[in-house]
PDB file of N, CA and C in Angstrom:
ATOM      1  N   MET A   1      -6.904 -12.657   7.659  1.00  0.00           N
ATOM      2  CA  MET A   1      -6.312 -12.685   6.342  1.00  0.00           C
ATOM      3  C   MET A   1      -5.496 -13.944   6.118  1.00  0.00           C
ATOM      4  N   ASP A   2      -5.052 -14.592   7.183  1.00  0.00           N
ATOM      5  CA  ASP A   2      -4.244 -15.791   7.035  1.00  0.00           C
ATOM      6  C   ASP A   2      -4.982 -16.893   6.287  1.00  0.00           C
ATOM      7  N   ARG A   3      -6.263 -17.072   6.588  1.00  0.00           N
ATOM      8  CA  ARG A   3      -7.029 -18.122   5.915  1.00  0.00           C
ATOM      9  C   ARG A   3      -7.226 -17.807   4.442  1.00  0.00           C
ATOM     10  N   ILE A   4      -7.434 -16.541   4.133  1.00  0.00           N
ATOM     11  CA  ILE A   4      -7.634 -16.156   2.742  1.00  0.00           C
ATOM     12  C   ILE A   4      -6.354 -16.379   1.946  1.00  0.00           C
ATOM     13  N   THR A   5      -5.234 -15.950   2.460  1.00  0.00           N
ATOM     14  CA  THR A   5      -3.988 -16.100   1.718  1.00  0.00           C
ATOM     15  C   THR A   5      -3.622 -17.565   1.551  1.00  0.00           C
ATOM     16  N   ALA A   6      -3.907 -18.387   2.539  1.00  0.00           N
ATOM     17  CA  ALA A   6      -3.580 -19.801   2.428  1.00  0.00           C
ATOM     18  C   ALA A   6      -4.435 -20.484   1.370  1.00  0.00           C
ATOM     19  N   SER A   7      -5.692 -20.062   1.234  1.00  0.00           N
ATOM     20  CA  SER A   7      -6.602 -20.720   0.311  1.00  0.00           C
ATOM     21  C   SER A   7      -6.477 -20.228  -1.125  1.00  0.00           C
ATOM     22  N   CYS A   8      -6.327 -18.946  -1.321  1.00  0.00           N
ATOM     23  CA  CYS A   8      -6.367 -18.420  -2.685  1.00  0.00           C
ATOM     24  C   CYS A   8      -5.001 -18.038  -3.208  1.00  0.00           C
ATOM     25  N   GLY A   9      -3.990 -18.170  -2.426  1.00  0.00           N
ATOM     26  CA  GLY A   9      -2.651 -17.835  -2.876  1.00  0.00           C
ATOM     27  C   GLY A   9      -2.185 -16.531  -2.276  1.00  0.00           C
ATOM     28  N   ALA A  10      -1.085 -16.595  -1.591  1.00  0.00           N
ATOM     29  CA  ALA A  10      -0.575 -15.416  -0.901  1.00  0.00           C
ATOM     30  C   ALA A  10      -0.254 -14.289  -1.864  1.00  0.00           C
ATOM     31  N   SER A  11       0.271 -14.616  -3.021  1.00  0.00           N
ATOM     32  CA  SER A  11       0.659 -13.546  -3.944  1.00  0.00           C
ATOM     33  C   SER A  11      -0.548 -12.769  -4.452  1.00  0.00           C
ATOM     34  N   ALA A  12      -1.663 -13.442  -4.709  1.00  0.00           N
ATOM     35  CA  ALA A  12      -2.864 -12.748  -5.184  1.00  0.00           C
ATOM     36  C   ALA A  12      -3.427 -11.836  -4.102  1.00  0.00           C
ATOM     37  N   ALA A  13      -3.503 -12.342  -2.869  1.00  0.00           N
ATOM     38  CA  ALA A  13      -4.032 -11.536  -1.774  1.00  0.00           C
ATOM     39  C   ALA A  13      -3.118 -10.351  -1.478  1.00  0.00           C
ATOM     40  N   LEU A  14      -1.827 -10.590  -1.480  1.00  0.00           N
ATOM     41  CA  LEU A  14      -0.880  -9.502  -1.232  1.00  0.00           C
ATOM     42  C   LEU A  14      -0.931  -8.447  -2.327  1.00  0.00           C
ATOM     43  N   ARG A  15      -1.138  -8.890  -3.561  1.00  0.00           N
ATOM     44  CA  ARG A  15      -1.252  -7.937  -4.670  1.00  0.00           C
ATOM     45  C   ARG A  15      -2.489  -7.059  -4.510  1.00  0.00           C
ATOM     46  N   LEU A  16      -3.617  -7.659  -4.101  1.00  0.00           N
ATOM     47  CA  LEU A  16      -4.836  -6.875  -3.877  1.00  0.00           C
ATOM     48  C   LEU A  16      -4.628  -5.876  -2.746  1.00  0.00           C
ATOM     49  N   ILE A  17      -3.974  -6.307  -1.682  1.00  0.00           N
ATOM     50  CA  ILE A  17      -3.707  -5.400  -0.561  1.00  0.00           C
ATOM     51  C   ILE A  17      -2.791  -4.273  -1.006  1.00  0.00           C
ATOM     52  N   GLU A  18      -1.774  -4.608  -1.777  1.00  0.00           N
ATOM     53  CA  GLU A  18      -0.838  -3.587  -2.253  1.00  0.00           C
ATOM     54  C   GLU A  18      -1.524  -2.575  -3.165  1.00  0.00           C
ATOM     55  N   GLU A  19      -2.394  -3.059  -4.043  1.00  0.00           N
ATOM     56  CA  GLU A  19      -3.054  -2.185  -5.008  1.00  0.00           C
ATOM     57  C   GLU A  19      -4.185  -1.361  -4.396  1.00  0.00           C
ATOM     58  N   HIS A  20      -4.907  -1.938  -3.422  1.00  0.00           N
ATOM     59  CA  HIS A  20      -6.125  -1.294  -2.930  1.00  0.00           C
ATOM     60  C   HIS A  20      -6.081  -0.914  -1.458  1.00  0.00           C
ATOM     61  N   GLY A  21      -5.068  -1.360  -0.750  1.00  0.00           N
ATOM     62  CA  GLY A  21      -4.939  -1.035   0.670  1.00  0.00           C
ATOM     63  C   GLY A  21      -5.580  -2.079   1.561  1.00  0.00           C
ATOM     64  N   ALA A  22      -5.005  -2.269   2.726  1.00  0.00           N
ATOM     65  CA  ALA A  22      -5.482  -3.285   3.664  1.00  0.00           C
ATOM     66  C   ALA A  22      -6.784  -2.883   4.347  1.00  0.00           C
ATOM     67  N   ASP A  23      -7.113  -1.609   4.337  1.00  0.00           N
ATOM     68  CA  ASP A  23      -8.313  -1.137   5.028  1.00  0.00           C
ATOM     69  C   ASP A  23      -9.542  -1.066   4.134  1.00  0.00           C
ATOM     70  N   MET A  24      -9.415  -1.408   2.859  1.00  0.00           N
ATOM     71  CA  MET A  24     -10.552  -1.326   1.951  1.00  0.00           C
ATOM     72  C   MET A  24     -11.531  -2.455   2.245  1.00  0.00           C
ATOM     73  N   GLY A  25     -12.793  -2.121   2.409  1.00  0.00           N
ATOM     74  CA  GLY A  25     -13.828  -3.124   2.652  1.00  0.00           C
ATOM     75  C   GLY A  25     -14.189  -3.866   1.375  1.00  0.00           C
ATOM     76  N   LEU A  26     -14.822  -5.026   1.516  1.00  0.00           N
ATOM     77  CA  LEU A  26     -15.168  -5.832   0.354  1.00  0.00           C
ATOM     78  C   LEU A  26     -16.121  -5.119  -0.611  1.00  0.00           C
ATOM     79  N   PRO A  27     -17.139  -4.394  -0.145  1.00  0.00           N
ATOM     80  CA  PRO A  27     -17.987  -3.671  -1.100  1.00  0.00           C
ATOM     81  C   PRO A  27     -17.203  -2.620  -1.899  1.00  0.00           C
ATOM     82  N   ASP A  28     -16.287  -1.923  -1.238  1.00  0.00           N
ATOM     83  CA  ASP A  28     -15.477  -0.933  -1.948  1.00  0.00           C
ATOM     84  C   ASP A  28     -14.514  -1.604  -2.918  1.00  0.00           C
ATOM     85  N   LEU A  29     -13.984  -2.759  -2.535  1.00  0.00           N
ATOM     86  CA  LEU A  29     -13.105  -3.508  -3.434  1.00  0.00           C
ATOM     87  C   LEU A  29     -13.879  -3.933  -4.666  1.00  0.00           C
ATOM     88  N   TRP A  30     -15.114  -4.394  -4.477  1.00  0.00           N
ATOM     89  CA  TRP A  30     -15.952  -4.784  -5.614  1.00  0.00           C
ATOM     90  C   TRP A  30     -16.147  -3.604  -6.561  1.00  0.00           C
ATOM     91  N   GLU A  31     -16.455  -2.435  -6.010  1.00  0.00           N
ATOM     92  CA  GLU A  31     -16.639  -1.242  -6.840  1.00  0.00           C
ATOM     93  C   GLU A  31     -15.385  -0.957  -7.655  1.00  0.00           C
ATOM     94  N   SER A  32     -14.245  -1.058  -7.014  1.00  0.00           N
ATOM     95  CA  SER A  32     -12.977  -0.779  -7.677  1.00  0.00           C
ATOM     96  C   SER A  32     -12.695  -1.803  -8.771  1.00  0.00           C
ATOM     97  N   LEU A  33     -12.915  -3.077  -8.486  1.00  0.00           N
ATOM     98  CA  LEU A  33     -12.627  -4.119  -9.460  1.00  0.00           C
ATOM     99  C   LEU A  33     -13.636  -4.138 -10.603  1.00  0.00           C
ATOM    100  N   ALA A  34     -14.881  -3.771 -10.343  1.00  0.00           N
ATOM    101  CA  ALA A  34     -15.899  -3.744 -11.388  1.00  0.00           C
ATOM    102  C   ALA A  34     -15.612  -2.643 -12.397  1.00  0.00           C
ATOM    103  N   GLY A  35     -14.961  -1.584 -11.937  1.00  0.00           N
ATOM    104  CA  GLY A  35     -14.573  -0.504 -12.839  1.00  0.00           C
ATOM    105  C   GLY A  35     -15.738   0.074 -13.609  1.00  0.00           C
ATOM    106  N   ASP A  36     -15.574   0.155 -14.921  1.00  0.00           N
ATOM    107  CA  ASP A  36     -16.610   0.761 -15.759  1.00  0.00           C
ATOM    108  C   ASP A  36     -17.461  -0.292 -16.472  1.00  0.00           C
ATOM    109  N   CYS A  37     -17.536  -1.480 -15.903  1.00  0.00           N
ATOM    110  CA  CYS A  37     -18.356  -2.532 -16.496  1.00  0.00           C
ATOM    111  C   CYS A  37     -19.802  -2.045 -16.606  1.00  0.00           C
ATOM    112  N   PRO A  38     -20.406  -2.130 -17.777  1.00  0.00           N
ATOM    113  CA  PRO A  38     -21.776  -1.640 -17.937  1.00  0.00           C
ATOM    114  C   PRO A  38     -22.803  -2.438 -17.134  1.00  0.00           C
ATOM    115  N   ASN A  39     -22.444  -3.632 -16.694  1.00  0.00           N
ATOM    116  CA  ASN A  39     -23.376  -4.455 -15.929  1.00  0.00           C
ATOM    117  C   ASN A  39     -23.149  -4.360 -14.424  1.00  0.00           C
ATOM    118  N   ALA A  40     -22.262  -3.499 -13.982  1.00  0.00           N
ATOM    119  CA  ALA A  40     -21.924  -3.432 -12.560  1.00  0.00           C
ATOM    120  C   ALA A  40     -23.115  -3.031 -11.691  1.00  0.00           C
ATOM    121  N   HIS A  41     -23.978  -2.184 -12.182  1.00  0.00           N
ATOM    122  CA  HIS A  41     -25.080  -1.684 -11.348  1.00  0.00           C
ATOM    123  C   HIS A  41     -26.451  -2.013 -11.920  1.00  0.00           C
ATOM    124  N   THR A  42     -26.506  -3.014 -12.779  1.00  0.00           N
ATOM    125  CA  THR A  42     -27.793  -3.397 -13.330  1.00  0.00           C
ATOM    126  C   THR A  42     -28.661  -4.040 -12.251  1.00  0.00           C
ATOM    127  N   THR A  43     -29.953  -3.925 -12.380  1.00  0.00           N
ATOM    128  CA  THR A  43     -30.856  -4.552 -11.415  1.00  0.00           C
ATOM    129  C   THR A  43     -31.141  -6.010 -11.774  1.00  0.00           C
ATOM    130  N   ALA A  44     -30.766  -6.422 -12.984  1.00  0.00           N
ATOM    131  CA  ALA A  44     -30.944  -7.817 -13.393  1.00  0.00           C
ATOM    132  C   ALA A  44     -29.812  -8.651 -12.799  1.00  0.00           C
ATOM    133  N   LEU A  45     -30.109  -9.399 -11.757  1.00  0.00           N
ATOM    134  CA  LEU A  45     -29.080 -10.139 -11.036  1.00  0.00           C
ATOM    135  C   LEU A  45     -28.341 -11.140 -11.909  1.00  0.00           C
ATOM    136  N   ASN A  46     -29.000 -11.694 -12.925  1.00  0.00           N
ATOM    137  CA  ASN A  46     -28.337 -12.681 -13.774  1.00  0.00           C
ATOM    138  C   ASN A  46     -27.330 -12.043 -14.733  1.00  0.00           C
ATOM    139  N   ASN A  47     -27.359 -10.734 -14.903  1.00  0.00           N
ATOM    140  CA  ASN A  47     -26.419 -10.041 -15.791  1.00  0.00           C
ATOM    141  C   ASN A  47     -25.386  -9.221 -15.031  1.00  0.00           C
ATOM    142  N   ARG A  48     -25.497  -9.167 -13.741  1.00  0.00           N
ATOM    143  CA  ARG A  48     -24.665  -8.283 -12.938  1.00  0.00           C
ATOM    144  C   ARG A  48     -23.242  -8.814 -12.789  1.00  0.00           C
ATOM    145  N   CYS A  49     -22.282  -7.905 -12.812  1.00  0.00           N
ATOM    146  CA  CYS A  49     -20.899  -8.283 -12.523  1.00  0.00           C
ATOM    147  C   CYS A  49     -20.850  -8.788 -11.086  1.00  0.00           C
ATOM    148  N   ALA A  50     -20.034  -9.779 -10.847  1.00  0.00           N
ATOM    149  CA  ALA A  50     -19.990 -10.355  -9.506  1.00  0.00           C
ATOM    150  C   ALA A  50     -18.563 -10.704  -9.120  1.00  0.00           C
ATOM    151  N   ILE A  51     -18.334 -10.684  -7.846  1.00  0.00           N
ATOM    152  CA  ILE A  51     -17.085 -11.165  -7.277  1.00  0.00           C
ATOM    153  C   ILE A  51     -17.465 -12.280  -6.323  1.00  0.00           C
ATOM    154  N   TYR A  52     -16.788 -13.384  -6.434  1.00  0.00           N
ATOM    155  CA  TYR A  52     -17.049 -14.539  -5.591  1.00  0.00           C
ATOM    156  C   TYR A  52     -15.954 -14.628  -4.542  1.00  0.00           C
ATOM    157  N   TYR A  53     -16.340 -14.655  -3.290  1.00  0.00           N
ATOM    158  CA  TYR A  53     -15.409 -14.747  -2.170  1.00  0.00           C
ATOM    159  C   TYR A  53     -15.556 -16.142  -1.550  1.00  0.00           C
ATOM    160  N   PRO A  54     -14.930 -17.160  -2.105  1.00  0.00           N
ATOM    161  CA  PRO A  54     -15.170 -18.519  -1.607  1.00  0.00           C
ATOM    162  C   PRO A  54     -14.708 -18.751  -0.176  1.00  0.00           C
ATOM    163  N   GLN A  55     -13.755 -17.973   0.314  1.00  0.00           N
ATOM    164  CA  GLN A  55     -13.260 -18.175   1.668  1.00  0.00           C
ATOM    165  C   GLN A  55     -14.045 -17.385   2.716  1.00  0.00           C
ATOM    166  N   LEU A  56     -14.932 -16.517   2.304  1.00  0.00           N
ATOM    167  CA  LEU A  56     -15.635 -15.646   3.232  1.00  0.00           C
ATOM    168  C   LEU A  56     -16.445 -16.398   4.292  1.00  0.00           C
ATOM    169  N   PRO A  57     -17.211 -17.435   3.955  1.00  0.00           N
ATOM    170  CA  PRO A  57     -17.980 -18.121   5.005  1.00  0.00           C
ATOM    171  C   PRO A  57     -17.106 -18.707   6.104  1.00  0.00           C
ATOM    172  N   ALA A  58     -15.919 -19.149   5.754  1.00  0.00           N
ATOM    173  CA  ALA A  58     -15.036 -19.760   6.757  1.00  0.00           C
ATOM    174  C   ALA A  58     -14.586 -18.745   7.796  1.00  0.00           C
ATOM    175  N   LEU A  59     -14.598 -17.474   7.453  1.00  0.00           N
ATOM    176  CA  LEU A  59     -14.185 -16.449   8.401  1.00  0.00           C
ATOM    177  C   LEU A  59     -15.246 -16.200   9.478  1.00  0.00           C
ATOM    178  N   PHE A  60     -16.496 -16.525   9.185  1.00  0.00           N
ATOM    179  CA  PHE A  60     -17.599 -16.222  10.086  1.00  0.00           C
ATOM    180  C   PHE A  60     -18.278 -17.434  10.687  1.00  0.00           C
ATOM    181  N   LEU A  61     -18.094 -18.587  10.084  1.00  0.00           N
ATOM    182  CA  LEU A  61     -18.755 -19.808  10.555  1.00  0.00           C
ATOM    183  C   LEU A  61     -17.708 -20.789  11.079  1.00  0.00           C
ATOM    184  N   PRO A  62     -17.614 -20.949  12.397  1.00  0.00           N
ATOM    185  CA  PRO A  62     -16.627 -21.878  12.951  1.00  0.00           C
ATOM    186  C   PRO A  62     -16.834 -23.291  12.411  1.00  0.00           C
ATOM    187  N   GLY A  63     -15.754 -23.918  12.028  1.00  0.00           N
ATOM    188  CA  GLY A  63     -15.824 -25.281  11.523  1.00  0.00           C
ATOM    189  C   GLY A  63     -16.187 -25.377  10.056  1.00  0.00           C
ATOM    190  N   LYS A  64     -16.501 -24.270   9.408  1.00  0.00           N
ATOM    191  CA  LYS A  64     -16.850 -24.268   7.990  1.00  0.00           C
ATOM    192  C   LYS A  64     -15.595 -24.007   7.180  1.00  0.00           C
ATOM    193  N   GLU A  65     -15.064 -25.019   6.552  1.00  0.00           N
ATOM    194  CA  GLU A  65     -13.873 -24.891   5.724  1.00  0.00           C
ATOM    195  C   GLU A  65     -14.287 -24.927   4.266  1.00  0.00           C
ATOM    196  N   THR A  66     -13.630 -24.100   3.441  1.00  0.00           N
ATOM    197  CA  THR A  66     -13.938 -24.100   2.003  1.00  0.00           C
ATOM    198  C   THR A  66     -12.856 -24.779   1.229  1.00  0.00           C
TER     199      THR A  66
END
């Protein structure tokens, strides 16, 4: 979590943790944030609600900084 908070802002990450819990997985967080968006579960990928995790690759790929 240290890399995420440093890159996207500690207050935003802490707010998400406070609102949704530290144990919530990213797919569950997406479901929660998408809410009742009518495009959340569409099969048309170009119309689908999306969450972009720009820091995610850096957590899994050594030497990959975003």
